[in-house]
């Protein structure tokens, strides 16, 4: 399998403004380097320990994206090098990210994760709590909220996926009237990114379509 060709094929099938986060969780250093050497720089991980090891071993111009749930007591391990935290879902987490950003004298970019899926296992805040979170973030000088993220229900029913993505897209566009600097709508993964792009996504998280299905 030529993973560099897989990535190239995806890039040709989507608009130029859509950013691809190559989901590299569980992937080896050599696998990551194959598409790094093809020019790709944005990689997503969901385990902090695994990300730290890869950060230490791989080129320092890689932009690391934390795409999984973040425990507040582990923010300190990634604050100094993280490019974007995708799954902010509480004021408590915002406080800790800001605290660690101040310690490192940096500004950390974040996405607010909205729960759009019906599954209980999916993280994210409800829509009615979004304004409170955004208002609170205004007081945090070392955090930059750049957009929203969401994950659709795991289903083969494309109508359900489309409906959930559309819901978040409308919320994002409405929020931009009050926060015009918001620029990222991160929805869509390997099996549904084309539906997401039709609903306005400009950042997709793609793993299996690049690296192949995970082996059990």
N, C-alpha and C. Protein backbone atom coordinates (compact mmCIF):
# COMPACT_ATOMS: atom_id res chain seq x y z
N UNK A 1 0.84 -1.20 0.00
CA UNK A 1 0.00 0.00 0.00
C UNK A 1 0.88 1.25 0.00
N UNK A 2 0.62 2.15 -0.93
CA UNK A 2 1.37 3.40 -1.01
C UNK A 2 0.56 4.50 -0.33
N UNK A 3 0.90 4.78 0.93
CA UNK A 3 0.09 5.74 1.68
C UNK A 3 0.25 7.16 1.16
N UNK A 4 1.39 7.46 0.58
CA UNK A 4 1.56 8.79 -0.02
C UNK A 4 0.60 8.97 -1.19
N UNK A 5 0.42 7.91 -1.98
CA UNK A 5 -0.53 7.96 -3.09
C UNK A 5 -1.96 8.09 -2.59
N UNK A 6 -2.26 7.41 -1.47
CA UNK A 6 -3.60 7.52 -0.88
C UNK A 6 -3.91 8.97 -0.52
N UNK A 7 -2.96 9.62 0.12
CA UNK A 7 -3.14 11.01 0.52
C UNK A 7 -3.30 11.90 -0.71
N UNK A 8 -2.47 11.67 -1.72
CA UNK A 8 -2.56 12.47 -2.95
C UNK A 8 -3.92 12.31 -3.61
N UNK A 9 -4.45 11.09 -3.60
CA UNK A 9 -5.76 10.84 -4.21
C UNK A 9 -6.85 11.61 -3.47
N UNK A 10 -6.79 11.63 -2.15
CA UNK A 10 -7.79 12.37 -1.37
C UNK A 10 -7.70 13.86 -1.66
N UNK A 11 -6.48 14.38 -1.72
CA UNK A 11 -6.30 15.82 -1.98
C UNK A 11 -6.89 16.21 -3.33
N UNK A 12 -6.78 15.33 -4.32
CA UNK A 12 -7.31 15.62 -5.65
C UNK A 12 -8.84 15.59 -5.67
N UNK A 13 -9.43 14.93 -4.69
CA UNK A 13 -10.89 14.75 -4.69
C UNK A 13 -11.64 15.79 -3.87
N UNK A 14 -10.90 16.70 -3.22
CA UNK A 14 -11.53 17.68 -2.34
C UNK A 14 -11.08 19.10 -2.71
N UNK A 15 -11.83 20.12 -2.31
CA UNK A 15 -11.42 21.50 -2.59
C UNK A 15 -10.10 21.85 -1.91
N UNK A 16 -9.38 22.78 -2.51
CA UNK A 16 -8.06 23.16 -2.00
C UNK A 16 -8.10 23.75 -0.59
N UNK A 17 -9.23 24.38 -0.24
CA UNK A 17 -9.28 25.05 1.06
C UNK A 17 -9.50 24.09 2.23
N UNK A 18 -9.76 22.82 1.94
CA UNK A 18 -10.02 21.85 3.00
C UNK A 18 -8.70 21.27 3.50
N UNK A 19 -8.44 21.40 4.79
CA UNK A 19 -7.21 20.91 5.39
C UNK A 19 -7.38 19.47 5.85
N UNK A 20 -6.40 18.64 5.54
CA UNK A 20 -6.44 17.23 5.94
C UNK A 20 -5.54 17.02 7.16
N UNK A 21 -6.13 16.48 8.21
CA UNK A 21 -5.35 16.03 9.36
C UNK A 21 -5.18 14.52 9.21
N UNK A 22 -3.94 14.08 8.98
CA UNK A 22 -3.68 12.64 8.84
C UNK A 22 -3.66 12.01 10.22
N UNK A 23 -4.64 11.15 10.48
CA UNK A 23 -4.78 10.55 11.80
C UNK A 23 -3.76 9.42 11.93
N UNK A 24 -2.73 9.70 12.71
CA UNK A 24 -1.57 8.81 12.77
C UNK A 24 -1.52 7.97 14.04
N UNK A 25 -2.59 7.95 14.81
CA UNK A 25 -2.61 7.15 16.04
C UNK A 25 -2.35 5.68 15.70
N UNK A 26 -1.52 5.06 16.48
CA UNK A 26 -1.07 3.67 16.34
C UNK A 26 -0.13 3.44 15.15
N UNK A 27 0.14 4.47 14.36
CA UNK A 27 1.00 4.30 13.19
C UNK A 27 2.47 4.47 13.57
N UNK A 28 3.32 3.83 12.81
CA UNK A 28 4.74 3.85 13.13
C UNK A 28 5.40 5.13 12.62
N UNK A 29 6.60 5.35 13.13
CA UNK A 29 7.38 6.50 12.68
C UNK A 29 7.63 6.42 11.18
N UNK A 30 7.93 5.25 10.67
CA UNK A 30 8.21 5.09 9.24
C UNK A 30 6.97 5.39 8.40
N UNK A 31 5.80 4.98 8.86
CA UNK A 31 4.57 5.27 8.13
C UNK A 31 4.32 6.77 8.07
N UNK A 32 4.52 7.44 9.18
CA UNK A 32 4.32 8.88 9.22
C UNK A 32 5.31 9.59 8.30
N UNK A 33 6.55 9.14 8.30
CA UNK A 33 7.58 9.77 7.48
C UNK A 33 7.30 9.63 5.99
N UNK A 34 6.58 8.58 5.61
CA UNK A 34 6.27 8.40 4.19
C UNK A 34 5.43 9.55 3.65
N UNK A 35 4.48 10.01 4.43
CA UNK A 35 3.70 11.14 3.91
C UNK A 35 4.30 12.48 4.33
N UNK A 36 5.08 12.48 5.39
CA UNK A 36 5.85 13.69 5.72
C UNK A 36 6.80 14.01 4.57
N UNK A 37 7.48 13.01 4.05
CA UNK A 37 8.42 13.21 2.96
C UNK A 37 7.73 13.58 1.66
N UNK A 38 6.42 13.35 1.60
CA UNK A 38 5.64 13.77 0.44
C UNK A 38 5.11 15.20 0.62
N UNK A 39 5.46 15.81 1.75
CA UNK A 39 5.10 17.22 1.96
C UNK A 39 4.02 17.49 2.98
N UNK A 40 3.46 16.44 3.57
CA UNK A 40 2.37 16.65 4.53
C UNK A 40 2.92 16.94 5.92
N UNK A 41 2.24 17.85 6.66
CA UNK A 41 2.78 18.27 7.96
C UNK A 41 1.79 18.15 9.11
N UNK A 42 0.50 17.95 8.85
CA UNK A 42 -0.50 17.95 9.91
C UNK A 42 -0.92 16.52 10.27
N UNK A 43 -0.66 16.15 11.54
CA UNK A 43 -0.95 14.79 12.00
C UNK A 43 -1.77 14.83 13.28
N UNK A 44 -2.71 13.90 13.40
CA UNK A 44 -3.61 13.87 14.56
C UNK A 44 -3.40 12.64 15.42
N UNK A 45 -3.35 12.84 16.73
CA UNK A 45 -3.21 11.76 17.69
C UNK A 45 -4.30 11.88 18.74
N UNK A 46 -4.64 10.74 19.38
CA UNK A 46 -5.64 10.80 20.44
C UNK A 46 -5.14 10.30 21.79
N UNK A 47 -3.85 9.94 21.85
CA UNK A 47 -3.23 9.52 23.10
C UNK A 47 -2.02 10.42 23.35
N UNK A 48 -2.02 11.08 24.50
CA UNK A 48 -0.98 12.06 24.78
C UNK A 48 0.40 11.42 24.88
N UNK A 49 0.51 10.27 25.54
CA UNK A 49 1.81 9.63 25.67
C UNK A 49 2.38 9.25 24.30
N UNK A 50 1.54 8.71 23.43
CA UNK A 50 2.00 8.34 22.09
C UNK A 50 2.43 9.57 21.31
N UNK A 51 1.68 10.66 21.44
CA UNK A 51 2.04 11.89 20.75
C UNK A 51 3.39 12.43 21.23
N UNK A 52 3.62 12.39 22.53
CA UNK A 52 4.89 12.89 23.09
C UNK A 52 6.08 12.12 22.53
N UNK A 53 5.95 10.81 22.43
CA UNK A 53 7.04 9.99 21.89
C UNK A 53 7.30 10.35 20.43
N UNK A 54 6.24 10.48 19.67
CA UNK A 54 6.40 10.81 18.25
C UNK A 54 6.97 12.21 18.07
N UNK A 55 6.54 13.14 18.92
CA UNK A 55 7.09 14.49 18.85
C UNK A 55 8.60 14.46 19.06
N UNK A 56 9.05 13.68 20.02
CA UNK A 56 10.48 13.59 20.32
C UNK A 56 11.28 12.96 19.18
N UNK A 57 10.66 12.01 18.47
CA UNK A 57 11.39 11.22 17.48
C UNK A 57 11.28 11.72 16.05
N UNK A 58 10.31 12.56 15.77
CA UNK A 58 10.03 12.97 14.39
C UNK A 58 10.39 14.44 14.16
N UNK A 59 10.44 14.88 12.90
CA UNK A 59 10.84 16.26 12.60
C UNK A 59 10.00 17.29 13.34
N UNK A 60 10.65 18.36 13.74
CA UNK A 60 10.01 19.35 14.60
C UNK A 60 9.10 20.32 13.86
N UNK A 61 9.07 20.26 12.52
CA UNK A 61 8.11 21.12 11.81
C UNK A 61 6.76 20.44 11.60
N UNK A 62 6.59 19.23 12.15
CA UNK A 62 5.26 18.59 12.12
C UNK A 62 4.32 19.38 13.03
N UNK A 63 3.09 19.57 12.56
CA UNK A 63 2.05 20.22 13.35
C UNK A 63 1.18 19.13 13.97
N UNK A 64 1.26 19.01 15.28
CA UNK A 64 0.54 17.94 15.98
C UNK A 64 -0.83 18.44 16.43
N UNK A 65 -1.85 17.62 16.14
CA UNK A 65 -3.23 17.93 16.51
C UNK A 65 -3.71 16.90 17.52
N UNK A 66 -4.19 17.37 18.67
CA UNK A 66 -4.77 16.47 19.65
C UNK A 66 -6.25 16.33 19.34
N UNK A 67 -6.64 15.17 18.79
CA UNK A 67 -8.01 15.01 18.30
C UNK A 67 -8.89 14.24 19.27
N UNK A 68 -8.29 13.67 20.33
CA UNK A 68 -9.07 12.90 21.29
C UNK A 68 -9.42 13.69 22.53
N UNK A 69 -10.16 13.04 23.41
CA UNK A 69 -10.52 13.65 24.68
C UNK A 69 -9.27 13.93 25.50
N UNK A 70 -9.20 15.11 26.11
CA UNK A 70 -8.02 15.52 26.86
C UNK A 70 -8.35 15.60 28.35
N UNK A 71 -7.58 14.87 29.15
CA UNK A 71 -7.70 14.99 30.60
C UNK A 71 -6.92 16.22 31.06
N UNK A 72 -7.51 16.97 31.98
CA UNK A 72 -6.88 18.23 32.39
C UNK A 72 -5.48 18.02 32.95
N UNK A 73 -5.25 16.92 33.65
CA UNK A 73 -3.94 16.71 34.27
C UNK A 73 -2.85 16.31 33.27
N UNK A 74 -3.22 16.18 31.99
CA UNK A 74 -2.23 15.80 30.98
C UNK A 74 -1.95 16.92 29.98
N UNK A 75 -2.65 18.03 30.11
CA UNK A 75 -2.43 19.15 29.18
C UNK A 75 -0.98 19.61 29.22
N UNK A 76 -0.38 19.59 30.41
CA UNK A 76 0.99 20.09 30.59
C UNK A 76 2.01 19.36 29.72
N UNK A 77 1.70 18.13 29.33
CA UNK A 77 2.66 17.34 28.57
C UNK A 77 2.71 17.72 27.09
N UNK A 78 1.67 18.39 26.60
CA UNK A 78 1.64 18.73 25.17
C UNK A 78 1.60 20.23 24.90
N UNK A 79 1.45 21.03 25.95
CA UNK A 79 1.22 22.47 25.77
C UNK A 79 2.32 23.14 24.96
N UNK A 80 3.56 22.74 25.17
CA UNK A 80 4.67 23.47 24.56
C UNK A 80 4.79 23.24 23.06
N UNK A 81 4.16 22.16 22.53
CA UNK A 81 4.35 21.89 21.10
C UNK A 81 3.05 21.68 20.32
N UNK A 82 1.91 21.65 20.98
CA UNK A 82 0.67 21.32 20.29
C UNK A 82 0.28 22.43 19.31
N UNK A 83 -0.21 22.04 18.14
CA UNK A 83 -0.65 23.01 17.15
C UNK A 83 -2.12 23.37 17.32
N UNK A 84 -2.94 22.35 17.62
CA UNK A 84 -4.38 22.58 17.78
C UNK A 84 -4.98 21.48 18.65
N UNK A 85 -5.75 21.88 19.66
CA UNK A 85 -6.51 20.93 20.48
C UNK A 85 -7.95 20.92 19.95
N UNK A 86 -8.40 19.77 19.48
CA UNK A 86 -9.67 19.69 18.75
C UNK A 86 -10.89 19.49 19.64
N UNK A 87 -10.70 19.00 20.86
CA UNK A 87 -11.86 18.48 21.59
C UNK A 87 -12.05 19.15 22.94
N UNK A 88 -12.08 20.46 22.96
CA UNK A 88 -12.34 21.18 24.21
C UNK A 88 -13.84 21.12 24.50
N UNK A 89 -14.19 20.66 25.70
CA UNK A 89 -15.60 20.44 26.00
C UNK A 89 -16.00 20.87 27.41
N UNK A 90 -15.17 21.70 28.06
CA UNK A 90 -15.54 22.16 29.40
C UNK A 90 -14.76 23.41 29.78
N UNK A 91 -15.32 24.17 30.69
CA UNK A 91 -14.62 25.34 31.22
C UNK A 91 -13.39 24.90 32.00
N UNK A 92 -13.51 23.78 32.72
CA UNK A 92 -12.37 23.26 33.48
C UNK A 92 -11.17 23.01 32.57
N UNK A 93 -11.41 22.41 31.42
CA UNK A 93 -10.33 22.13 30.48
C UNK A 93 -9.77 23.43 29.90
N UNK A 94 -10.63 24.37 29.58
CA UNK A 94 -10.16 25.67 29.08
C UNK A 94 -9.24 26.34 30.09
N UNK A 95 -9.61 26.31 31.35
CA UNK A 95 -8.77 26.92 32.39
C UNK A 95 -7.38 26.29 32.42
N UNK A 96 -7.33 24.97 32.32
CA UNK A 96 -6.04 24.30 32.40
C UNK A 96 -5.18 24.57 31.16
N UNK A 97 -5.81 24.58 30.00
CA UNK A 97 -5.06 24.89 28.79
C UNK A 97 -4.47 26.30 28.88
N UNK A 98 -5.28 27.23 29.35
CA UNK A 98 -4.79 28.60 29.50
C UNK A 98 -3.65 28.68 30.51
N UNK A 99 -3.79 27.95 31.60
CA UNK A 99 -2.74 27.92 32.64
C UNK A 99 -1.42 27.44 32.06
N UNK A 100 -1.48 26.36 31.29
CA UNK A 100 -0.25 25.80 30.72
C UNK A 100 0.30 26.68 29.60
N UNK A 101 -0.59 27.34 28.89
CA UNK A 101 -0.14 28.28 27.85
C UNK A 101 0.62 29.45 28.47
N UNK A 102 0.12 29.94 29.60
CA UNK A 102 0.81 31.04 30.30
C UNK A 102 2.19 30.59 30.77
N UNK A 103 2.26 29.37 31.32
CA UNK A 103 3.54 28.84 31.80
C UNK A 103 4.57 28.77 30.68
N UNK A 104 4.11 28.46 29.47
CA UNK A 104 5.00 28.30 28.34
C UNK A 104 5.12 29.56 27.49
N UNK A 105 4.42 30.62 27.94
CA UNK A 105 4.47 31.91 27.23
C UNK A 105 4.07 31.76 25.76
N UNK A 106 2.96 31.05 25.55
CA UNK A 106 2.46 30.82 24.19
C UNK A 106 0.95 31.04 24.16
N UNK A 107 0.41 30.98 22.96
CA UNK A 107 -1.04 31.01 22.74
C UNK A 107 -1.43 29.68 22.13
N UNK A 108 -2.41 29.01 22.71
CA UNK A 108 -2.81 27.69 22.22
C UNK A 108 -4.14 27.78 21.49
N UNK A 109 -4.16 27.25 20.28
CA UNK A 109 -5.37 27.23 19.45
C UNK A 109 -6.24 26.03 19.83
N UNK A 110 -7.55 26.26 19.87
CA UNK A 110 -8.49 25.22 20.29
C UNK A 110 -9.75 25.23 19.44
N UNK A 111 -10.37 24.07 19.36
CA UNK A 111 -11.72 23.93 18.82
C UNK A 111 -12.65 23.49 19.94
N UNK A 112 -13.88 23.97 19.90
CA UNK A 112 -14.89 23.50 20.84
C UNK A 112 -15.61 22.30 20.22
N UNK A 113 -15.64 21.19 20.95
CA UNK A 113 -16.33 20.01 20.44
C UNK A 113 -17.80 20.04 20.84
N UNK A 114 -18.66 19.98 19.83
CA UNK A 114 -20.11 19.97 20.04
C UNK A 114 -20.62 18.54 19.86
N UNK A 115 -21.47 18.10 20.76
CA UNK A 115 -22.05 16.75 20.65
C UNK A 115 -23.20 16.78 19.66
N UNK A 116 -23.00 16.17 18.51
CA UNK A 116 -24.07 16.10 17.51
C UNK A 116 -24.56 14.67 17.31
N UNK A 117 -23.76 13.68 17.73
CA UNK A 117 -24.13 12.28 17.56
C UNK A 117 -25.12 11.85 18.63
N UNK A 118 -25.86 10.81 18.32
CA UNK A 118 -26.84 10.28 19.27
C UNK A 118 -26.21 9.32 20.28
N UNK A 119 -24.99 8.85 19.98
CA UNK A 119 -24.34 7.88 20.84
C UNK A 119 -23.86 8.52 22.14
N UNK A 120 -24.09 7.83 23.25
CA UNK A 120 -23.65 8.33 24.54
C UNK A 120 -22.13 8.37 24.65
N UNK A 121 -21.46 7.50 23.89
CA UNK A 121 -20.00 7.40 23.98
C UNK A 121 -19.28 8.60 23.37
N UNK A 122 -19.97 9.37 22.55
CA UNK A 122 -19.34 10.52 21.90
C UNK A 122 -19.29 11.70 22.87
N UNK A 123 -18.13 12.36 22.91
CA UNK A 123 -17.94 13.51 23.78
C UNK A 123 -18.44 14.79 23.12
N UNK A 124 -18.38 15.87 23.89
CA UNK A 124 -18.77 17.18 23.36
C UNK A 124 -19.82 17.84 24.24
N UNK A 125 -19.90 19.15 24.12
CA UNK A 125 -20.90 19.88 24.89
C UNK A 125 -22.19 20.01 24.09
N UNK A 126 -23.27 20.25 24.78
CA UNK A 126 -24.54 20.48 24.11
C UNK A 126 -24.56 21.90 23.54
N UNK A 127 -25.38 22.10 22.55
CA UNK A 127 -25.44 23.41 21.88
C UNK A 127 -25.80 24.52 22.86
N UNK A 128 -26.63 24.23 23.85
CA UNK A 128 -27.08 25.29 24.75
C UNK A 128 -26.01 25.74 25.73
N UNK A 129 -24.88 25.02 25.79
CA UNK A 129 -23.78 25.43 26.66
C UNK A 129 -22.66 26.15 25.91
N UNK A 130 -22.81 26.24 24.59
CA UNK A 130 -21.75 26.81 23.77
C UNK A 130 -21.48 28.28 24.09
N UNK A 131 -22.53 29.07 24.22
CA UNK A 131 -22.34 30.50 24.47
C UNK A 131 -21.60 30.75 25.79
N UNK A 132 -21.94 29.96 26.81
CA UNK A 132 -21.25 30.10 28.10
C UNK A 132 -19.75 29.83 27.95
N UNK A 133 -19.43 28.79 27.19
CA UNK A 133 -18.03 28.43 26.99
C UNK A 133 -17.30 29.51 26.19
N UNK A 134 -17.94 30.03 25.17
CA UNK A 134 -17.33 31.08 24.35
C UNK A 134 -17.12 32.35 25.17
N UNK A 135 -18.11 32.72 25.95
CA UNK A 135 -17.99 33.93 26.78
C UNK A 135 -16.85 33.78 27.78
N UNK A 136 -16.75 32.59 28.38
CA UNK A 136 -15.68 32.36 29.35
C UNK A 136 -14.32 32.46 28.68
N UNK A 137 -14.22 31.94 27.47
CA UNK A 137 -12.93 31.94 26.76
C UNK A 137 -12.45 33.36 26.46
N UNK A 138 -13.36 34.32 26.40
CA UNK A 138 -12.98 35.71 26.13
C UNK A 138 -12.05 36.27 27.20
N UNK A 139 -12.11 35.69 28.40
CA UNK A 139 -11.29 36.18 29.51
C UNK A 139 -9.94 35.46 29.61
N UNK A 140 -9.71 34.52 28.73
CA UNK A 140 -8.47 33.74 28.76
C UNK A 140 -7.55 34.24 27.65
N UNK A 141 -6.51 34.97 28.03
CA UNK A 141 -5.68 35.67 27.06
C UNK A 141 -4.75 34.76 26.27
N UNK A 142 -4.52 33.54 26.76
CA UNK A 142 -3.57 32.66 26.09
C UNK A 142 -4.24 31.51 25.35
N UNK A 143 -5.55 31.65 25.12
CA UNK A 143 -6.29 30.66 24.34
C UNK A 143 -6.92 31.36 23.15
N UNK A 144 -6.87 30.69 22.02
CA UNK A 144 -7.49 31.21 20.81
C UNK A 144 -8.47 30.17 20.29
N UNK A 145 -9.77 30.41 20.51
CA UNK A 145 -10.80 29.52 19.97
C UNK A 145 -10.95 29.84 18.49
N UNK A 146 -10.64 28.86 17.63
CA UNK A 146 -10.65 29.12 16.19
C UNK A 146 -11.82 28.46 15.47
N UNK A 147 -12.62 27.65 16.17
CA UNK A 147 -13.74 27.02 15.48
C UNK A 147 -14.40 25.92 16.28
N UNK A 148 -15.17 25.10 15.57
CA UNK A 148 -15.94 24.02 16.19
C UNK A 148 -15.56 22.67 15.57
N UNK A 149 -15.75 21.63 16.37
CA UNK A 149 -15.52 20.26 15.90
C UNK A 149 -16.70 19.39 16.31
N UNK A 150 -16.97 18.38 15.50
CA UNK A 150 -18.03 17.44 15.86
C UNK A 150 -17.83 16.11 15.17
N UNK A 151 -18.40 15.06 15.77
CA UNK A 151 -18.33 13.71 15.21
C UNK A 151 -19.73 13.17 15.02
N UNK A 152 -20.00 12.68 13.83
CA UNK A 152 -21.33 12.16 13.53
C UNK A 152 -21.54 10.80 14.15
N UNK A 153 -22.79 10.40 14.22
CA UNK A 153 -23.15 9.06 14.68
C UNK A 153 -22.49 8.01 13.79
N UNK A 154 -22.00 6.93 14.41
CA UNK A 154 -21.39 5.84 13.64
C UNK A 154 -22.52 5.00 13.03
N UNK A 155 -22.79 5.27 11.77
CA UNK A 155 -23.90 4.62 11.09
C UNK A 155 -23.65 4.63 9.58
N UNK A 156 -24.28 3.69 8.88
CA UNK A 156 -24.20 3.69 7.42
C UNK A 156 -25.30 4.54 6.80
N UNK A 157 -26.19 5.09 7.63
CA UNK A 157 -27.28 5.92 7.15
C UNK A 157 -26.76 7.33 6.85
N UNK A 158 -26.57 7.64 5.58
CA UNK A 158 -25.99 8.92 5.20
C UNK A 158 -26.91 10.09 5.51
N UNK A 159 -28.21 9.83 5.57
CA UNK A 159 -29.15 10.91 5.90
C UNK A 159 -28.95 11.40 7.33
N UNK A 160 -28.69 10.46 8.24
CA UNK A 160 -28.43 10.83 9.63
C UNK A 160 -27.14 11.63 9.72
N UNK A 161 -26.09 11.14 9.06
CA UNK A 161 -24.81 11.84 9.09
C UNK A 161 -24.95 13.24 8.50
N UNK A 162 -25.63 13.34 7.38
CA UNK A 162 -25.83 14.64 6.73
C UNK A 162 -26.58 15.60 7.64
N UNK A 163 -27.61 15.09 8.30
CA UNK A 163 -28.42 15.92 9.19
C UNK A 163 -27.59 16.46 10.35
N UNK A 164 -26.74 15.61 10.93
CA UNK A 164 -25.91 16.03 12.06
C UNK A 164 -24.85 17.04 11.64
N UNK A 165 -24.25 16.82 10.49
CA UNK A 165 -23.26 17.77 9.98
C UNK A 165 -23.91 19.11 9.64
N UNK A 166 -25.09 19.04 9.06
CA UNK A 166 -25.80 20.27 8.71
C UNK A 166 -26.13 21.07 9.97
N UNK A 167 -26.53 20.37 11.02
CA UNK A 167 -26.85 21.00 12.30
C UNK A 167 -25.66 21.78 12.84
N UNK A 168 -24.48 21.17 12.79
CA UNK A 168 -23.29 21.84 13.30
C UNK A 168 -22.84 22.97 12.39
N UNK A 169 -23.01 22.79 11.09
CA UNK A 169 -22.65 23.84 10.14
C UNK A 169 -23.50 25.10 10.36
N UNK A 170 -24.78 24.92 10.60
CA UNK A 170 -25.67 26.06 10.87
C UNK A 170 -25.26 26.75 12.16
N UNK A 171 -24.96 25.95 13.19
CA UNK A 171 -24.52 26.51 14.46
C UNK A 171 -23.23 27.31 14.28
N UNK A 172 -22.29 26.77 13.53
CA UNK A 172 -21.01 27.44 13.28
C UNK A 172 -21.22 28.78 12.58
N UNK A 173 -22.03 28.78 11.54
CA UNK A 173 -22.27 30.02 10.79
C UNK A 173 -23.00 31.06 11.62
N UNK A 174 -23.92 30.61 12.46
CA UNK A 174 -24.61 31.55 13.35
C UNK A 174 -23.64 32.13 14.39
N UNK A 175 -22.75 31.28 14.89
CA UNK A 175 -21.80 31.73 15.90
C UNK A 175 -20.83 32.77 15.33
N UNK A 176 -20.52 32.64 14.06
CA UNK A 176 -19.58 33.56 13.43
C UNK A 176 -20.10 34.99 13.37
N UNK A 177 -21.39 35.17 13.50
CA UNK A 177 -21.93 36.54 13.51
C UNK A 177 -21.49 37.28 14.76
N UNK A 178 -21.31 36.54 15.86
CA UNK A 178 -20.82 37.14 17.11
C UNK A 178 -19.31 37.02 17.27
N UNK A 179 -18.74 35.99 16.63
CA UNK A 179 -17.30 35.75 16.71
C UNK A 179 -16.73 35.60 15.30
N UNK A 180 -16.59 36.71 14.59
CA UNK A 180 -16.21 36.65 13.17
C UNK A 180 -14.83 36.06 12.90
N UNK A 181 -13.99 35.95 13.93
CA UNK A 181 -12.65 35.40 13.72
C UNK A 181 -12.65 33.87 13.66
N UNK A 182 -13.77 33.24 13.98
CA UNK A 182 -13.84 31.78 13.88
C UNK A 182 -13.65 31.37 12.41
N UNK A 183 -12.80 30.38 12.19
CA UNK A 183 -12.49 30.03 10.80
C UNK A 183 -12.51 28.53 10.51
N UNK A 184 -12.57 27.69 11.54
CA UNK A 184 -12.44 26.25 11.32
C UNK A 184 -13.72 25.51 11.69
N UNK A 185 -14.24 24.74 10.74
CA UNK A 185 -15.32 23.80 11.01
C UNK A 185 -14.75 22.41 10.74
N UNK A 186 -14.45 21.68 11.80
CA UNK A 186 -13.79 20.38 11.68
C UNK A 186 -14.80 19.26 11.84
N UNK A 187 -15.30 18.79 10.72
CA UNK A 187 -16.19 17.63 10.69
C UNK A 187 -15.77 16.75 9.52
N UNK A 188 -15.97 15.46 9.69
CA UNK A 188 -15.67 14.53 8.61
C UNK A 188 -14.43 13.71 8.89
N UNK A 189 -14.60 12.38 8.71
CA UNK A 189 -13.50 11.44 8.86
C UNK A 189 -13.45 10.55 7.61
N UNK A 190 -12.73 9.45 7.68
CA UNK A 190 -12.49 8.65 6.47
C UNK A 190 -13.77 8.24 5.74
N UNK A 191 -14.80 7.87 6.50
CA UNK A 191 -16.01 7.34 5.86
C UNK A 191 -17.05 8.40 5.51
N UNK A 192 -16.87 9.62 6.01
CA UNK A 192 -17.94 10.60 5.79
C UNK A 192 -17.43 12.00 5.42
N UNK A 193 -16.15 12.12 5.06
CA UNK A 193 -15.62 13.47 4.85
C UNK A 193 -16.23 14.17 3.64
N UNK A 194 -16.68 13.42 2.64
CA UNK A 194 -17.30 14.07 1.48
C UNK A 194 -18.64 14.69 1.87
N UNK A 195 -19.39 14.01 2.73
CA UNK A 195 -20.64 14.58 3.23
C UNK A 195 -20.34 15.81 4.06
N UNK A 196 -19.30 15.75 4.86
CA UNK A 196 -18.92 16.88 5.71
C UNK A 196 -18.55 18.10 4.88
N UNK A 197 -17.78 17.89 3.82
CA UNK A 197 -17.35 19.00 2.97
C UNK A 197 -18.55 19.66 2.31
N UNK A 198 -19.54 18.87 1.92
CA UNK A 198 -20.77 19.44 1.34
C UNK A 198 -21.50 20.32 2.35
N UNK A 199 -21.25 20.08 3.64
CA UNK A 199 -21.88 20.87 4.70
C UNK A 199 -20.94 21.95 5.25
N UNK A 200 -19.89 22.26 4.53
CA UNK A 200 -19.06 23.39 4.89
C UNK A 200 -17.79 23.08 5.66
N UNK A 201 -17.48 21.81 5.86
CA UNK A 201 -16.25 21.48 6.58
C UNK A 201 -15.03 21.98 5.83
N UNK A 202 -14.08 22.56 6.58
CA UNK A 202 -12.80 22.93 5.96
C UNK A 202 -11.62 22.27 6.67
N UNK A 203 -11.93 21.27 7.51
CA UNK A 203 -10.87 20.47 8.14
C UNK A 203 -11.42 19.06 8.35
N UNK A 204 -10.73 18.07 7.78
CA UNK A 204 -11.18 16.68 7.93
C UNK A 204 -10.07 15.86 8.57
N UNK A 205 -10.48 14.82 9.31
CA UNK A 205 -9.55 13.96 10.02
C UNK A 205 -9.59 12.58 9.37
N UNK A 206 -8.53 12.23 8.66
CA UNK A 206 -8.55 11.02 7.84
C UNK A 206 -7.44 10.07 8.27
N UNK A 207 -7.83 8.86 8.64
CA UNK A 207 -6.86 7.86 9.05
C UNK A 207 -6.81 6.67 8.12
N UNK A 208 -7.87 5.84 8.14
CA UNK A 208 -7.85 4.58 7.39
C UNK A 208 -7.77 4.78 5.89
N UNK A 209 -8.32 5.87 5.36
CA UNK A 209 -8.25 6.12 3.93
C UNK A 209 -6.83 6.48 3.48
N UNK A 210 -6.00 6.84 4.42
CA UNK A 210 -4.59 7.11 4.12
C UNK A 210 -3.71 5.93 4.49
N UNK A 211 -3.81 5.48 5.75
CA UNK A 211 -2.90 4.46 6.26
C UNK A 211 -3.41 3.04 6.11
N UNK A 212 -4.70 2.89 5.77
CA UNK A 212 -5.29 1.56 5.70
C UNK A 212 -6.00 1.23 7.00
N UNK A 213 -6.85 0.24 6.96
CA UNK A 213 -7.60 -0.16 8.14
C UNK A 213 -6.66 -0.70 9.22
N UNK A 214 -7.00 -0.39 10.48
CA UNK A 214 -6.20 -0.91 11.58
C UNK A 214 -6.35 -2.42 11.69
N UNK A 215 -5.25 -3.08 11.98
CA UNK A 215 -5.29 -4.52 12.19
C UNK A 215 -5.59 -4.81 13.65
N UNK A 216 -6.45 -5.78 13.89
CA UNK A 216 -6.81 -6.12 15.27
C UNK A 216 -5.70 -6.92 15.93
